[in-house]
């Protein structure tokens, strides 16, 4: 059905350097097959998928899909034919109309036939496509939500609705790029089952890119292993997975010790979220737990349970309606929701990594650490207070501004805009650390992360995937924070790179006694790194204890068959 011959693609970087993403690839995909593609970041998987989609030009080779043939010098019309024959679903895409579930699918049917889904005549669409739309919703398990308002569906339901919309185009091939990688086990299971059903009942050929071995083991008929733009092996999924993981770094042990000094107390937290057209979405109440110095605590639970909200309230980024979060500072318990200098001193000793966390592409690691130390360095709070006094800024306002340095960049910008301020005020209050001092602060952290100090003067884009992740950790750890808060920043890493992260975090915990509080959906990662786990379900804390036991309970509650069936890979 699909025949790829001698396909090559080279990217020219802004620096003038060239990067060969695909190197003379040849491949055949059978009709009705689920073909999996696995490999580390940068192997060329997504580039191959984009070429199959007809949206990425290439340098040489041929792509044939049934009677459609595209070469490097084909005209736009041929590429358009390839686009019409394929549909793609990308991780974290949520482009939906603010209408019911079935109306979202009807719009796609209408647009596919008449050219513009924004002009959909719903009476005509219901008459012409209503039956087909309900059939697609049944296949993806959303027929019971046909009349529900799409924006208030869960994350997994939205992803399945997006797949149903793609199917309304009646493609011959469905291309999937990391489907559900960032989802909880229950959501992931629903999406994987929908993909299986689409393949079986509609006979649609599926090409699936994922770095998760358990996803390929559950779905793929055949698996391809890519390295450095080449296909290095293909065959039965279990064998290819073993080959992919053969050089994975062995896991380091967690340093077992007494964890009996409370550093964080969460008491009777309550917060309620309401959507205008959806009623109560989440009501968090009666959340109580402690965290001891040096623990690695994972917050687990299904999507939408309130894990990230809890993490943000713990870090003082969001405010509860009731209850307290207190951190210990010099034998005094400080309220994380009371602005002022004491909270600033707590915050200086915290490191945050959000889902959106990323290195600055063209900046050197030295410059990025200098900026970080300008925010989290040892004397930052006292020096910022002096500058604030000269500018007529009160302690409480200074603390509110300091809080912005822990937020994702876009969110911080939005909050500043609401205050009528620009980001320059943060640069004035928290100027960059002197470059010449950076190495002294970086050295112990780089040693703990097994990073060479040589990379200080390299730019982010010059680093390998594993180096980038550890450099990102070094950035957060340069000021040696006492508490590290991680909101799923490693959710889309391949297992080889994730093991590097796991071992790095264990070394940080062991050598600096850093307390780590994190949210993750990656069950193996949680089991491997945590000293304790806390489960949140529907806004309530339901379990607190040994990570392995809680993870097994979570898998069972999630009915995550893909995890129950998967062999232990790492």
Protein backbone atom coordinates (compact mmCIF):
# COMPACT_ATOMS: atom_id res chain seq x y z
CA UNK A 1 0.00 0.00 0.00
CA UNK A 2 2.81 2.42 0.95
CA UNK A 3 6.19 2.12 -0.72
CA UNK A 4 9.08 4.40 0.26
CA UNK A 5 12.28 4.16 -1.76
CA UNK A 6 15.67 5.82 -1.11
CA UNK A 7 14.15 8.70 0.87
CA UNK A 8 16.56 11.39 2.15
CA UNK A 9 15.99 14.72 3.89
CA UNK A 10 18.59 17.26 5.09
CA UNK A 11 17.79 20.34 7.18
CA UNK A 12 19.91 23.46 7.01
CA UNK A 13 20.28 24.99 10.47
CA UNK A 14 20.33 28.74 11.09
CA UNK A 15 24.04 28.45 11.85
CA UNK A 16 24.64 27.24 8.29
CA UNK A 17 25.30 23.67 9.44
CA UNK A 18 23.44 20.78 7.84
CA UNK A 19 21.61 17.99 9.65
CA UNK A 20 20.63 14.78 7.84
CA UNK A 21 17.23 13.82 9.29
CA UNK A 22 16.60 10.90 6.89
CA UNK A 23 19.36 8.97 5.17
CA UNK A 24 18.34 6.83 2.18
CA UNK A 25 15.34 5.12 3.80
CA UNK A 26 13.36 2.38 2.06
CA UNK A 27 10.21 0.94 3.61
CA UNK A 28 6.99 -0.88 2.77
CA UNK A 29 3.70 -0.68 4.72
CA UNK A 30 1.02 -3.29 4.07
CA UNK A 31 -2.66 -2.41 3.74
CA UNK A 32 -4.49 -2.70 7.07
CA UNK A 33 -1.24 -2.96 9.05
CA UNK A 34 -0.39 -1.08 12.26
CA UNK A 35 3.25 -0.20 11.73
CA UNK A 36 5.15 1.13 14.74
CA UNK A 37 8.24 3.35 14.56
CA UNK A 38 10.52 3.67 17.60
CA UNK A 39 13.81 5.43 18.26
CA UNK A 40 15.39 8.14 20.36
CA UNK A 41 14.68 11.85 19.90
CA UNK A 42 16.28 13.10 16.69
CA UNK A 43 16.19 9.70 14.98
CA UNK A 44 13.99 11.06 12.15
CA UNK A 45 10.63 9.54 13.16
CA UNK A 46 8.51 12.70 12.99
CA UNK A 47 10.20 13.88 9.77
CA UNK A 48 9.26 10.58 8.12
CA UNK A 49 5.66 10.97 9.30
CA UNK A 50 5.44 14.54 7.97
CA UNK A 51 6.73 13.41 4.57
CA UNK A 52 4.09 10.66 4.50
CA UNK A 53 1.50 13.32 5.32
CA UNK A 54 2.58 15.36 2.29
CA UNK A 55 3.55 18.48 4.27
CA UNK A 56 7.35 18.10 4.29
CA UNK A 57 9.49 18.46 1.13
CA UNK A 58 12.41 16.05 0.75
CA UNK A 59 15.69 15.92 -1.15
CA UNK A 60 15.50 12.59 -2.97
CA UNK A 61 13.51 9.39 -3.15
CA UNK A 62 9.95 8.32 -3.89
CA UNK A 63 6.77 7.97 -1.79
CA UNK A 64 3.98 5.83 -3.26
CA UNK A 65 0.55 5.44 -1.61
CA UNK A 66 -1.65 3.21 -3.80
CA UNK A 67 -1.85 5.17 -7.08
CA UNK A 68 -0.36 8.38 -5.67
CA UNK A 69 3.33 8.91 -6.44
CA UNK A 70 5.38 11.78 -5.00
CA UNK A 71 9.04 12.54 -5.71
CA UNK A 72 11.33 15.35 -4.55
CA UNK A 73 10.42 17.48 -7.57
CA UNK A 74 6.66 16.68 -7.67
CA UNK A 75 4.27 19.60 -8.14
CA UNK A 76 1.99 20.85 -5.30
CA UNK A 77 -1.00 18.99 -6.77
CA UNK A 78 0.67 15.61 -6.11
CA UNK A 79 1.43 16.60 -2.54
CA UNK A 80 -2.22 17.68 -2.11
CA UNK A 81 -3.36 14.21 -3.24
CA UNK A 82 -1.10 12.69 -0.57
CA UNK A 83 -2.60 15.02 2.06
CA UNK A 84 -6.12 13.95 1.09
CA UNK A 85 -5.25 10.26 1.40
CA UNK A 86 -3.76 10.66 4.89
CA UNK A 87 -4.80 12.09 8.25
CA UNK A 88 -2.52 12.90 11.16
CA UNK A 89 -3.00 13.19 14.90
CA UNK A 90 -0.31 15.03 16.85
CA UNK A 91 0.26 14.87 20.59
CA UNK A 92 -1.29 17.80 22.53
CA UNK A 93 -3.47 19.13 19.69
CA UNK A 94 -6.88 20.28 20.95
CA UNK A 95 -8.32 22.32 18.07
CA UNK A 96 -12.06 21.83 18.57
CA UNK A 97 -15.17 23.91 17.90
CA UNK A 98 -17.07 25.22 20.96
CA UNK A 99 -20.05 23.04 20.05
CA UNK A 100 -21.32 19.55 20.77
CA UNK A 101 -19.25 16.45 20.10
CA UNK A 102 -21.32 15.35 17.10
CA UNK A 103 -21.33 18.87 15.60
CA UNK A 104 -17.51 18.84 15.64
CA UNK A 105 -17.55 15.65 13.55
CA UNK A 106 -20.34 16.90 11.26
CA UNK A 107 -18.30 20.02 10.51
CA UNK A 108 -15.38 17.88 9.36
CA UNK A 109 -17.62 15.74 7.12
CA UNK A 110 -19.15 18.90 5.65
CA UNK A 111 -15.76 20.56 5.10
CA UNK A 112 -14.31 17.44 3.46
CA UNK A 113 -17.15 17.40 0.91
CA UNK A 114 -17.96 21.09 0.42
CA UNK A 115 -14.60 22.73 1.14
CA UNK A 116 -15.13 24.89 4.26
CA UNK A 117 -16.21 23.46 7.60
CA UNK A 118 -16.69 26.97 9.06
CA UNK A 119 -19.72 27.40 6.75
CA UNK A 120 -21.42 24.16 7.82
CA UNK A 121 -25.19 24.04 7.30
CA UNK A 122 -26.09 21.78 10.25
CA UNK A 123 -29.56 20.80 9.00
CA UNK A 124 -28.03 19.56 5.77
CA UNK A 125 -25.05 18.03 7.62
CA UNK A 126 -27.29 16.06 10.02
CA UNK A 127 -29.39 14.77 7.12
CA UNK A 128 -26.39 13.84 4.99
CA UNK A 129 -23.75 12.74 7.50
CA UNK A 130 -25.56 12.17 10.83
CA UNK A 131 -25.50 8.37 10.64
CA UNK A 132 -21.82 8.23 9.60
CA UNK A 133 -20.89 10.71 12.35
CA UNK A 134 -22.55 8.55 15.03
CA UNK A 135 -20.77 5.47 13.66
CA UNK A 136 -17.39 7.19 14.05
CA UNK A 137 -18.26 8.38 17.56
CA UNK A 138 -19.19 4.80 18.48
CA UNK A 139 -15.86 3.49 17.13
CA UNK A 140 -13.88 5.97 19.29
CA UNK A 141 -16.19 5.35 22.28
CA UNK A 142 -17.92 8.73 22.35
CA UNK A 143 -21.42 7.93 21.07
CA UNK A 144 -22.78 8.43 24.64
CA UNK A 145 -21.24 11.93 24.62
CA UNK A 146 -22.62 12.96 21.22
CA UNK A 147 -24.60 15.90 22.64
CA UNK A 148 -22.00 16.98 25.21
CA UNK A 149 -20.25 20.33 24.87
CA UNK A 150 -16.80 19.49 23.41
CA UNK A 151 -14.68 21.98 25.44
CA UNK A 152 -15.69 20.32 28.75
CA UNK A 153 -14.76 16.79 27.65
CA UNK A 154 -11.81 15.19 29.44
CA UNK A 155 -8.37 15.29 27.83
CA UNK A 156 -8.68 11.70 26.60
CA UNK A 157 -12.18 12.32 25.22
CA UNK A 158 -10.93 15.39 23.35
CA UNK A 159 -8.11 13.36 21.81
CA UNK A 160 -10.57 10.68 20.67
CA UNK A 161 -12.88 13.35 19.24
CA UNK A 162 -9.96 14.80 17.27
CA UNK A 163 -9.25 11.32 15.88
CA UNK A 164 -12.95 10.97 14.92
CA UNK A 165 -12.73 14.32 13.10
CA UNK A 166 -9.68 13.09 11.20
CA UNK A 167 -11.55 9.90 10.24
CA UNK A 168 -14.41 11.99 8.83
CA UNK A 169 -12.00 12.89 6.01
CA UNK A 170 -12.08 9.17 5.09
CA UNK A 171 -8.30 8.77 4.90
CA UNK A 172 -6.58 5.63 3.67
CA UNK A 173 -3.82 6.02 6.26
CA UNK A 174 -3.93 7.38 9.81
CA UNK A 175 -0.60 8.82 10.98
CA UNK A 176 -0.08 9.11 14.75
CA UNK A 177 2.78 11.09 16.30
CA UNK A 178 3.17 10.22 20.00
CA UNK A 179 -0.56 9.70 20.67
CA UNK A 180 -1.42 10.10 24.37
CA UNK A 181 2.20 10.21 25.53
CA UNK A 182 1.37 12.85 28.17
CA UNK A 183 -1.87 11.15 29.28
CA UNK A 184 -2.64 9.16 32.40
CA UNK A 185 -2.93 5.33 32.04
CA UNK A 186 -6.76 5.37 31.85
CA UNK A 187 -6.81 8.03 29.13
CA UNK A 188 -4.00 6.31 27.25
CA UNK A 189 -5.86 2.98 27.34
CA UNK A 190 -8.99 4.62 25.90
CA UNK A 191 -6.99 6.19 23.05
CA UNK A 192 -5.07 2.98 22.28
CA UNK A 193 -8.30 0.95 22.21
CA UNK A 194 -9.85 3.52 19.86
CA UNK A 195 -6.85 3.14 17.51
CA UNK A 196 -7.21 -0.66 17.55
CA UNK A 197 -10.92 -0.41 16.79
CA UNK A 198 -10.34 2.05 13.92
CA UNK A 199 -7.82 -0.34 12.40
CA UNK A 200 -10.04 -3.42 12.80
CA UNK A 201 -13.48 -2.03 11.95
CA UNK A 202 -12.58 0.54 9.28
CA UNK A 203 -9.56 -1.30 7.88
CA UNK A 204 -7.50 1.89 8.02
CA UNK A 205 -3.73 1.47 7.82
CA UNK A 206 -1.99 3.04 10.83
CA UNK A 207 1.59 4.33 11.05
CA UNK A 208 2.42 5.01 14.68
CA UNK A 209 5.41 6.93 16.05
CA UNK A 210 6.00 6.48 19.78
CA UNK A 211 9.00 6.15 22.06
CA UNK A 212 6.96 4.10 24.58
CA UNK A 213 7.72 0.36 24.23
CA UNK A 214 4.46 -0.64 25.96
CA UNK A 215 2.39 1.26 23.36
CA UNK A 216 4.06 -0.59 20.47
CA UNK A 217 3.76 -3.92 22.25
CA UNK A 218 0.01 -3.32 22.66
CA UNK A 219 -0.70 -1.96 19.16
CA UNK A 220 1.95 -2.67 16.54
CA UNK A 221 1.90 -5.62 14.13
CA UNK A 222 5.47 -4.77 13.12
CA UNK A 223 8.05 -2.37 14.56
CA UNK A 224 10.79 -0.33 12.90
CA UNK A 225 13.83 0.92 14.81
CA UNK A 226 15.36 4.20 13.64
CA UNK A 227 18.75 5.67 14.55
CA UNK A 228 20.33 8.82 13.11
CA UNK A 229 17.94 9.01 10.17
CA UNK A 230 18.30 5.34 9.19
CA UNK A 231 16.22 2.20 9.62
CA UNK A 232 18.53 -0.14 11.52
CA UNK A 233 16.10 -3.04 12.13
CA UNK A 234 12.49 -4.10 11.77
CA UNK A 235 10.35 -7.02 12.84
CA UNK A 236 8.40 -8.46 15.76
CA UNK A 237 7.83 -5.68 18.38
CA UNK A 238 9.26 -7.49 21.45
CA UNK A 239 12.53 -8.27 19.70
CA UNK A 240 12.93 -4.72 18.34
CA UNK A 241 12.14 -3.26 21.78
CA UNK A 242 14.86 -5.41 23.37
CA UNK A 243 17.33 -4.15 20.76
CA UNK A 244 16.25 -0.53 21.30
CA UNK A 245 16.85 -0.80 25.06
CA UNK A 246 20.00 -2.93 25.01
CA UNK A 247 22.36 -0.06 25.91
CA UNK A 248 20.13 1.63 28.50
CA UNK A 249 22.00 2.86 31.57
CA UNK A 250 21.40 0.60 34.61
CA UNK A 251 19.30 2.16 37.38
CA UNK A 252 21.07 3.65 40.38
CA UNK A 253 19.86 2.87 43.87
CA UNK A 254 17.98 5.38 45.99
CA UNK A 255 19.90 6.24 49.14
CA UNK A 256 17.74 4.73 51.89
CA UNK A 257 17.69 6.79 55.08
CA UNK A 258 15.33 8.05 57.76
CA UNK A 259 12.88 10.63 56.44
CA UNK A 260 11.55 12.10 59.67
CA UNK A 261 12.09 15.87 59.46
CA UNK A 262 8.94 17.57 58.07
CA UNK A 263 9.74 20.39 55.63
CA UNK A 264 6.23 20.84 54.15
CA UNK A 265 2.77 20.66 55.72
CA UNK A 266 -0.42 20.68 53.64
CA UNK A 267 -3.54 21.17 55.77
CA UNK A 268 -7.24 21.04 54.79
CA UNK A 269 -6.71 22.44 51.27
CA UNK A 270 -9.88 23.23 49.35
CA UNK A 271 -10.36 24.66 45.86
CA UNK A 272 -13.27 24.54 43.43
CA UNK A 273 -13.23 25.03 39.64
CA UNK A 274 -16.41 25.83 37.70
CA UNK A 275 -16.91 26.18 33.94
CA UNK A 276 -19.86 28.27 32.75
CA UNK A 277 -21.18 25.57 30.40
CA UNK A 278 -19.96 22.55 32.31
CA UNK A 279 -21.00 22.90 35.95
CA UNK A 280 -18.48 21.82 38.58
CA UNK A 281 -15.42 20.33 36.93
CA UNK A 282 -13.25 19.75 39.98
CA UNK A 283 -13.72 20.24 43.69
CA UNK A 284 -10.61 19.69 45.79
CA UNK A 285 -11.17 19.33 49.50
CA UNK A 286 -9.67 17.96 52.70
CA UNK A 287 -6.14 17.53 51.27
CA UNK A 288 -3.72 16.76 54.12
CA UNK A 289 -0.15 15.42 54.02
CA UNK A 290 3.43 16.15 55.10
CA UNK A 291 6.67 15.92 53.14
CA UNK A 292 9.95 15.22 54.96
CA UNK A 293 13.33 16.67 54.05
CA UNK A 294 15.10 14.45 51.48
CA UNK A 295 12.00 12.52 50.35
CA UNK A 296 11.11 12.01 46.68
CA UNK A 297 7.30 12.19 46.64
CA UNK A 298 5.25 11.52 43.49
CA UNK A 299 1.68 12.76 43.16
CA UNK A 300 -0.20 10.28 40.98
CA UNK A 301 -3.78 9.98 39.75
CA UNK A 302 -5.97 10.20 36.63
CA UNK A 303 -6.05 13.22 34.30
CA UNK A 304 -8.18 16.02 35.71
CA UNK A 305 -7.84 14.78 39.32
CA UNK A 306 -6.14 17.98 40.48
CA UNK A 307 -2.45 16.95 40.59
CA UNK A 308 -1.01 20.03 38.85
CA UNK A 309 -3.36 22.34 40.77
CA UNK A 310 -2.14 20.78 44.03
CA UNK A 311 1.50 21.17 42.96
CA UNK A 312 0.94 24.84 42.09
CA UNK A 313 -0.77 25.50 45.44
CA UNK A 314 2.12 23.76 47.23
CA UNK A 315 4.52 26.10 45.41
CA UNK A 316 2.41 29.17 46.21
CA UNK A 317 1.64 29.81 42.52
CA UNK A 318 -2.12 29.37 42.95
CA UNK A 319 -4.26 30.14 46.01
CA UNK A 320 -6.67 27.75 47.75
CA UNK A 321 -10.12 28.82 48.92
CA UNK A 322 -9.35 27.35 52.30
CA UNK A 323 -6.53 25.54 54.10
CA UNK A 324 -2.78 26.17 54.40
CA UNK A 325 0.52 25.18 52.81
CA UNK A 326 3.50 25.78 55.09
CA UNK A 327 7.23 25.36 54.50
CA UNK A 328 9.82 25.29 57.24
CA UNK A 329 12.41 28.09 57.20
CA UNK A 330 14.95 28.35 60.06
CA UNK A 331 12.64 26.44 62.44
CA UNK A 332 9.67 28.70 61.55
CA UNK A 333 6.66 27.53 59.51
CA UNK A 334 5.94 30.00 56.68
CA UNK A 335 2.53 30.29 54.96
CA UNK A 336 3.06 29.93 51.18
CA UNK A 337 -0.05 32.02 50.51
CA UNK A 338 0.97 35.03 52.60
CA UNK A 339 3.01 37.47 50.44
CA UNK A 340 6.13 39.00 51.98
CA UNK A 341 9.86 38.62 52.52
CA UNK A 342 9.59 35.31 54.40
CA UNK A 343 7.82 33.67 51.47
CA UNK A 344 10.47 35.10 49.13
CA UNK A 345 13.18 33.38 51.18
CA UNK A 346 11.30 30.07 50.90
CA UNK A 347 10.82 30.55 47.17
CA UNK A 348 14.53 31.26 46.65
CA UNK A 349 15.22 27.76 47.94
CA UNK A 350 12.78 26.17 45.46
CA UNK A 351 13.41 25.00 41.91
CA UNK A 352 10.47 24.61 39.49
CA UNK A 353 10.24 22.69 36.24
CA UNK A 354 6.90 22.90 34.40
CA UNK A 355 5.62 20.87 31.44
CA UNK A 356 6.57 23.81 29.21
CA UNK A 357 10.13 23.94 30.55
CA UNK A 358 12.74 24.28 27.79
CA UNK A 359 16.25 25.56 27.24
CA UNK A 360 16.69 28.75 25.19
CA UNK A 361 17.68 27.47 21.75
CA UNK A 362 20.43 29.97 20.82
CA UNK A 363 21.72 30.86 24.32
CA UNK A 364 24.79 29.29 25.93
CA UNK A 365 24.29 27.15 29.02
CA UNK A 366 26.52 29.61 30.92
CA UNK A 367 24.20 32.54 30.06
CA UNK A 368 21.13 30.59 31.07
CA UNK A 369 22.63 29.56 34.42
CA UNK A 370 23.73 33.18 35.01
CA UNK A 371 20.11 34.31 34.49
CA UNK A 372 18.87 31.57 36.80
CA UNK A 373 21.34 32.51 39.56
CA UNK A 374 20.18 36.10 39.15
CA UNK A 375 16.78 34.87 40.32
CA UNK A 376 17.74 32.16 42.81
CA UNK A 377 21.26 33.11 43.99
CA UNK A 378 22.23 33.26 47.66
CA UNK A 379 21.95 37.05 48.13
CA UNK A 380 19.12 37.64 45.64
CA UNK A 381 16.35 38.42 48.15
CA UNK A 382 18.28 41.03 50.11
CA UNK A 383 19.65 42.72 46.98
CA UNK A 384 16.21 42.75 45.31
CA UNK A 385 14.72 44.32 48.45
CA UNK A 386 17.23 47.21 48.25
CA UNK A 387 16.45 47.78 44.56
CA UNK A 388 12.71 47.59 45.27
CA UNK A 389 12.98 50.21 48.02
CA UNK A 390 14.75 52.58 45.61
CA UNK A 391 11.94 52.00 43.09
CA UNK A 392 9.20 52.51 45.70
CA UNK A 393 8.05 48.87 45.57
CA UNK A 394 6.71 47.33 48.81
CA UNK A 395 7.83 43.93 50.16
CA UNK A 396 4.46 42.36 49.29
CA UNK A 397 4.54 43.62 45.69
CA UNK A 398 8.18 42.52 45.37
CA UNK A 399 7.18 39.01 46.48
CA UNK A 400 4.33 38.92 43.97
CA UNK A 401 6.79 39.91 41.23
CA UNK A 402 9.31 37.33 42.46
CA UNK A 403 6.60 34.68 42.21
CA UNK A 404 6.48 35.30 38.44
CA UNK A 405 10.03 33.97 38.05
CA UNK A 406 8.73 30.48 38.94
CA UNK A 407 5.93 30.51 36.36
CA UNK A 408 6.12 29.29 32.75
CA UNK A 409 7.35 32.17 30.54
CA UNK A 410 4.05 32.81 28.74
CA UNK A 411 2.01 32.79 31.95
CA UNK A 412 4.47 35.20 33.61
CA UNK A 413 4.18 37.58 30.62
CA UNK A 414 0.36 37.49 30.81
CA UNK A 415 0.38 38.28 34.53
CA UNK A 416 2.79 41.18 33.99
CA UNK A 417 0.57 42.55 31.21
CA UNK A 418 -2.44 42.48 33.56
CA UNK A 419 -0.37 44.52 36.03
CA UNK A 420 0.54 46.92 33.23
CA UNK A 421 4.24 46.02 33.47
CA UNK A 422 6.90 44.69 31.09
CA UNK A 423 9.42 41.93 31.75
CA UNK A 424 12.10 44.61 32.11
CA UNK A 425 11.06 45.15 35.72
CA UNK A 426 12.11 41.58 36.55
CA UNK A 427 15.50 42.17 34.89
CA UNK A 428 15.94 45.33 36.98
CA UNK A 429 15.01 43.63 40.24
CA UNK A 430 16.85 40.37 39.52
CA UNK A 431 19.80 41.12 37.18
CA UNK A 432 21.85 38.33 35.62
CA UNK A 433 24.60 36.78 37.74
CA UNK A 434 28.24 37.62 36.77
CA UNK A 435 29.38 35.15 34.07
CA UNK A 436 32.76 34.61 35.70
CA UNK A 437 31.10 33.30 38.89
CA UNK A 438 28.90 30.75 37.10
CA UNK A 439 31.48 27.95 36.94
CA UNK A 440 31.92 27.91 40.75
CA UNK A 441 28.18 27.33 41.25
CA UNK A 442 27.83 24.93 38.32
CA UNK A 443 30.75 22.62 39.19
CA UNK A 444 29.19 20.49 42.00
CA UNK A 445 25.87 20.20 40.14
CA UNK A 446 27.55 19.25 36.85
CA UNK A 447 29.56 16.58 38.68
CA UNK A 448 26.40 15.16 40.25
CA UNK A 449 24.72 15.07 36.83
CA UNK A 450 27.77 13.57 35.08
CA UNK A 451 28.04 16.60 32.79
CA UNK A 452 31.30 18.05 31.49
CA UNK A 453 31.90 21.72 32.34
CA UNK A 454 32.89 22.12 28.67
CA UNK A 455 29.21 22.42 27.74
CA UNK A 456 28.89 25.70 29.68
CA UNK A 457 29.96 27.60 26.57
CA UNK A 458 27.93 25.55 24.13
CA UNK A 459 24.51 26.61 22.89
CA UNK A 460 21.44 24.52 23.67
CA UNK A 461 20.99 23.31 20.08
CA UNK A 462 24.53 21.91 20.07
CA UNK A 463 23.75 19.40 22.84
CA UNK A 464 22.52 15.80 22.46
CA UNK A 465 19.06 14.86 23.77
CA UNK A 466 20.46 13.42 27.01
CA UNK A 467 22.74 16.43 27.54
CA UNK A 468 19.84 18.85 27.01
CA UNK A 469 17.73 17.21 29.70
CA UNK A 470 20.59 17.13 32.21
CA UNK A 471 21.54 20.71 31.33
CA UNK A 472 17.93 21.73 32.02
CA UNK A 473 18.21 20.04 35.42
CA UNK A 474 21.57 21.75 36.03
CA UNK A 475 19.91 25.08 35.28
CA UNK A 476 17.34 24.52 38.01
CA UNK A 477 19.86 23.00 40.43
CA UNK A 478 22.67 25.59 40.02
CA UNK A 479 21.49 27.49 43.11
CA UNK A 480 21.23 24.14 44.98
CA UNK A 481 17.54 24.53 45.96
CA UNK A 482 16.34 22.60 48.99
CA UNK A 483 13.09 21.67 47.22
CA UNK A 484 12.66 20.67 43.55
CA UNK A 485 9.10 20.76 42.16
CA UNK A 486 8.55 18.90 38.87
CA UNK A 487 5.27 19.10 36.94
CA UNK A 488 5.67 16.39 34.28
CA UNK A 489 8.65 18.06 32.52
CA UNK A 490 9.94 14.66 31.32
CA UNK A 491 6.67 13.16 30.09
CA UNK A 492 7.66 13.02 26.42
CA UNK A 493 11.15 11.49 26.81
CA UNK A 494 12.18 8.13 25.40
CA UNK A 495 12.99 5.47 28.05
CA UNK A 496 16.77 5.68 27.48
CA UNK A 497 16.84 9.44 28.15
CA UNK A 498 14.31 9.04 30.98
CA UNK A 499 16.69 6.61 32.73
CA UNK A 500 19.43 9.30 32.53
CA UNK A 501 16.99 11.71 34.20
CA UNK A 502 16.00 9.15 36.84
CA UNK A 503 19.62 8.47 37.78
CA UNK A 504 20.44 12.20 37.73
CA UNK A 505 17.60 12.98 40.13
CA UNK A 506 18.72 10.19 42.46
CA UNK A 507 22.26 11.63 42.50
CA UNK A 508 20.90 15.12 43.20
CA UNK A 509 18.79 13.74 46.04
CA UNK A 510 21.71 11.71 47.43
CA UNK A 511 24.41 14.39 47.21
CA UNK A 512 22.41 17.53 48.13
CA UNK A 513 19.59 15.92 50.19
CA UNK A 514 17.18 17.75 47.84
CA UNK A 515 13.51 17.17 48.56
CA UNK A 516 11.68 16.36 45.30
CA UNK A 517 7.92 16.68 44.80
CA UNK A 518 6.70 15.69 41.34
CA UNK A 519 3.76 14.86 39.13
CA UNK A 520 4.22 12.20 36.46
CA UNK A 521 2.05 9.82 34.44
CA UNK A 522 4.98 7.52 33.69
CA UNK A 523 4.45 4.53 35.97
CA UNK A 524 7.90 2.92 35.57
CA UNK A 525 9.54 6.28 36.28
CA UNK A 526 7.46 6.78 39.46
CA UNK A 527 8.28 3.27 40.72
CA UNK A 528 11.96 3.70 39.99
CA UNK A 529 12.57 7.10 41.55
CA UNK A 530 10.04 7.71 44.33
CA UNK A 531 10.50 7.05 48.03
CA UNK A 532 6.76 7.65 48.52
CA UNK A 533 3.61 8.27 46.46
CA UNK A 534 0.38 10.16 47.08
CA UNK A 535 -2.75 9.38 45.02
CA UNK A 536 -5.26 12.09 44.11
CA UNK A 537 -8.66 11.12 42.65
CA UNK A 538 -11.49 13.58 41.92
CA UNK A 539 -9.81 16.25 44.01
CA UNK A 540 -9.35 14.03 47.06
CA UNK A 541 -6.28 12.36 48.56
CA UNK A 542 -7.18 8.66 48.58
CA UNK A 543 -3.86 6.88 49.23
CA UNK A 544 -0.43 7.69 50.65
CA UNK A 545 2.34 5.13 50.87
CA UNK A 546 4.87 2.86 49.14
CA UNK A 547 5.21 3.80 45.41
CA UNK A 548 5.17 0.26 43.98
CA UNK A 549 1.97 -0.65 45.79
CA UNK A 550 0.20 2.61 44.85
CA UNK A 551 1.28 2.30 41.20
CA UNK A 552 -0.11 -1.25 40.96
CA UNK A 553 -3.36 -0.08 42.54
CA UNK A 554 -3.47 2.85 40.09
CA UNK A 555 -2.92 0.58 37.06
CA UNK A 556 -5.74 -1.70 38.24
CA UNK A 557 -8.13 1.20 38.85
CA UNK A 558 -7.26 2.65 35.44
CA UNK A 559 -7.95 -0.71 33.73
CA UNK A 560 -4.70 -0.07 31.87
CA UNK A 561 -4.47 -3.34 29.94
CA UNK A 562 -1.53 -2.07 27.88
CA UNK A 563 0.53 -1.85 31.10
CA UNK A 564 -0.70 -5.15 32.52
CA UNK A 565 0.27 -6.94 29.30
CA UNK A 566 3.61 -5.21 28.82
CA UNK A 567 6.74 -7.04 29.82
CA UNK A 568 9.22 -5.26 32.08
CA UNK A 569 11.44 -3.45 29.59
CA UNK A 570 13.76 -1.49 31.86
